[in-house]
N, C-alpha and C. Protein backbone atom coordinates (compact mmCIF):
# COMPACT_ATOMS: atom_id res chain seq x y z
N GLY A 1 0.82 -1.20 0.01
CA GLY A 1 0.01 -0.01 0.00
C GLY A 1 0.85 1.28 -0.01
N ASP A 2 1.89 1.25 0.85
CA ASP A 2 2.76 2.43 0.90
C ASP A 2 3.45 2.68 -0.44
N PHE A 3 3.85 1.60 -1.07
CA PHE A 3 4.57 1.75 -2.36
C PHE A 3 3.65 2.41 -3.40
N GLY A 4 2.36 2.00 -3.42
CA GLY A 4 1.42 2.59 -4.35
C GLY A 4 1.27 4.07 -4.11
N ALA A 5 1.21 4.46 -2.83
CA ALA A 5 1.06 5.87 -2.47
C ALA A 5 2.30 6.64 -2.92
N MET A 6 3.47 6.04 -2.72
CA MET A 6 4.75 6.70 -3.10
C MET A 6 4.77 6.93 -4.60
N THR A 7 4.43 5.91 -5.39
CA THR A 7 4.46 6.06 -6.85
C THR A 7 3.50 7.15 -7.29
N LYS A 8 2.34 7.22 -6.64
CA LYS A 8 1.36 8.27 -7.00
C LYS A 8 1.95 9.66 -6.74
N ILE A 9 2.60 9.82 -5.60
CA ILE A 9 3.23 11.11 -5.26
C ILE A 9 4.30 11.46 -6.28
N VAL A 10 5.14 10.46 -6.60
CA VAL A 10 6.21 10.70 -7.60
C VAL A 10 5.62 11.09 -8.94
N LEU A 11 4.57 10.41 -9.38
CA LEU A 11 3.95 10.73 -10.64
C LEU A 11 3.37 12.14 -10.62
N GLN A 12 2.75 12.53 -9.51
CA GLN A 12 2.19 13.86 -9.40
C GLN A 12 3.31 14.91 -9.49
N LYS A 13 4.42 14.63 -8.81
CA LYS A 13 5.55 15.59 -8.88
C LYS A 13 6.07 15.69 -10.30
N LYS A 14 6.18 14.57 -10.99
CA LYS A 14 6.68 14.55 -12.37
C LYS A 14 5.74 15.34 -13.28
N SER A 15 4.44 15.15 -13.11
CA SER A 15 3.46 15.86 -13.94
C SER A 15 3.55 17.35 -13.65
N ASN A 16 3.79 17.71 -12.38
CA ASN A 16 3.94 19.13 -12.04
C ASN A 16 5.17 19.71 -12.73
N LEU A 17 6.26 18.94 -12.73
CA LEU A 17 7.48 19.39 -13.40
C LEU A 17 7.22 19.56 -14.90
N LEU A 18 6.53 18.59 -15.47
CA LEU A 18 6.20 18.68 -16.91
C LEU A 18 5.38 19.92 -17.20
N ALA A 19 4.38 20.19 -16.33
CA ALA A 19 3.53 21.36 -16.52
C ALA A 19 4.36 22.63 -16.45
N ILE A 20 5.28 22.68 -15.48
CA ILE A 20 6.14 23.87 -15.33
C ILE A 20 7.03 24.03 -16.55
N LEU A 21 7.62 22.92 -17.00
CA LEU A 21 8.50 22.96 -18.17
C LEU A 21 7.73 23.40 -19.42
N LEU A 22 6.53 22.85 -19.57
CA LEU A 22 5.71 23.22 -20.73
C LEU A 22 5.34 24.70 -20.65
N GLY A 23 5.02 25.18 -19.46
CA GLY A 23 4.70 26.58 -19.27
C GLY A 23 5.89 27.47 -19.64
N LEU A 24 7.08 27.08 -19.18
CA LEU A 24 8.29 27.85 -19.50
C LEU A 24 8.54 27.84 -20.99
N ALA A 25 8.37 26.67 -21.61
CA ALA A 25 8.59 26.56 -23.05
C ALA A 25 7.61 27.47 -23.80
N GLY A 26 6.38 27.49 -23.35
CA GLY A 26 5.38 28.35 -23.98
C GLY A 26 5.73 29.81 -23.86
N VAL A 27 6.20 30.20 -22.67
CA VAL A 27 6.60 31.60 -22.47
C VAL A 27 7.77 31.95 -23.37
N LEU A 28 8.75 31.05 -23.46
CA LEU A 28 9.92 31.29 -24.30
C LEU A 28 9.48 31.44 -25.75
N LEU A 29 8.60 30.57 -26.22
CA LEU A 29 8.11 30.63 -27.58
C LEU A 29 7.43 31.97 -27.86
N LEU A 30 6.60 32.41 -26.90
CA LEU A 30 5.90 33.70 -27.05
C LEU A 30 6.91 34.84 -27.15
N LEU A 31 7.94 34.80 -26.30
CA LEU A 31 8.97 35.85 -26.31
C LEU A 31 9.69 35.86 -27.63
N ILE A 32 10.04 34.67 -28.15
CA ILE A 32 10.74 34.58 -29.43
C ILE A 32 9.85 35.15 -30.55
N LEU A 33 8.57 34.78 -30.53
CA LEU A 33 7.65 35.28 -31.56
C LEU A 33 7.52 36.79 -31.48
N LEU A 34 7.44 37.34 -30.27
CA LEU A 34 7.38 38.78 -30.08
C LEU A 34 8.63 39.48 -30.64
N LEU A 35 9.79 38.91 -30.31
CA LEU A 35 11.04 39.48 -30.81
C LEU A 35 11.08 39.44 -32.33
N ALA A 36 10.66 38.33 -32.91
CA ALA A 36 10.65 38.19 -34.37
C ALA A 36 9.71 39.22 -34.97
N ALA A 37 8.56 39.41 -34.39
CA ALA A 37 7.58 40.39 -34.91
C ALA A 37 8.16 41.79 -34.86
N VAL A 38 8.80 42.12 -33.73
CA VAL A 38 9.42 43.45 -33.59
C VAL A 38 10.48 43.66 -34.65
N CYS A 39 11.31 42.65 -34.89
CA CYS A 39 12.36 42.75 -35.90
C CYS A 39 11.76 42.97 -37.28
N VAL A 40 10.72 42.22 -37.61
CA VAL A 40 10.09 42.36 -38.93
C VAL A 40 9.49 43.74 -39.09
N ILE A 41 8.80 44.22 -38.06
CA ILE A 41 8.20 45.58 -38.12
C ILE A 41 9.29 46.63 -38.30
N ALA A 42 10.38 46.50 -37.56
CA ALA A 42 11.47 47.48 -37.64
C ALA A 42 12.07 47.46 -39.05
N ARG A 43 12.23 46.29 -39.64
CA ARG A 43 12.77 46.20 -41.00
C ARG A 43 11.85 46.86 -41.99
N LYS A 44 10.56 46.63 -41.86
CA LYS A 44 9.60 47.20 -42.79
C LYS A 44 9.61 48.72 -42.69
N LYS A 45 9.72 49.24 -41.48
CA LYS A 45 9.77 50.70 -41.30
C LYS A 45 11.01 51.27 -41.95
N LYS A 46 12.16 50.59 -41.80
CA LYS A 46 13.41 51.05 -42.41
C LYS A 46 13.27 51.05 -43.93
N GLN A 47 12.68 49.98 -44.47
CA GLN A 47 12.51 49.89 -45.92
C GLN A 47 11.60 51.02 -46.42
N ARG A 48 10.54 51.33 -45.69
CA ARG A 48 9.64 52.40 -46.11
C ARG A 48 10.37 53.73 -46.09
N ARG A 49 11.20 53.95 -45.11
CA ARG A 49 11.97 55.20 -45.05
C ARG A 49 12.86 55.34 -46.28
N LYS A 50 13.52 54.25 -46.63
CA LYS A 50 14.39 54.26 -47.83
C LYS A 50 13.57 54.60 -49.07
N GLU A 51 12.44 53.94 -49.22
CA GLU A 51 11.57 54.18 -50.39
C GLU A 51 11.10 55.62 -50.43
N SER A 52 10.69 56.14 -49.30
CA SER A 52 10.17 57.52 -49.26
C SER A 52 11.30 58.50 -49.60
N SER A 53 12.51 58.22 -49.15
CA SER A 53 13.63 59.13 -49.46
C SER A 53 13.94 59.10 -50.96
N ILE A 54 13.79 57.91 -51.55
CA ILE A 54 14.02 57.79 -53.00
C ILE A 54 12.99 58.58 -53.76
N TYR A 55 11.73 58.51 -53.31
CA TYR A 55 10.66 59.22 -54.01
C TYR A 55 10.82 60.74 -53.88
N THR A 56 11.29 61.21 -52.74
CA THR A 56 11.39 62.66 -52.52
C THR A 56 12.51 63.25 -53.36
N THR A 57 13.62 62.51 -53.58
CA THR A 57 14.76 63.06 -54.30
C THR A 57 14.48 63.14 -55.80
């Protein structure tokens, strides 16, 4: 009986660790996506500036 209880506790702890790891992975992915979006937007703005300067000259 004690062994069954121990395995249940261990499994619960492992699932908690998995949940935490998955949560961290999700946060990291969101941060990476945000950074990528910011980089893309910054590039587009730079390109527009170049185009507008070409049109004005």
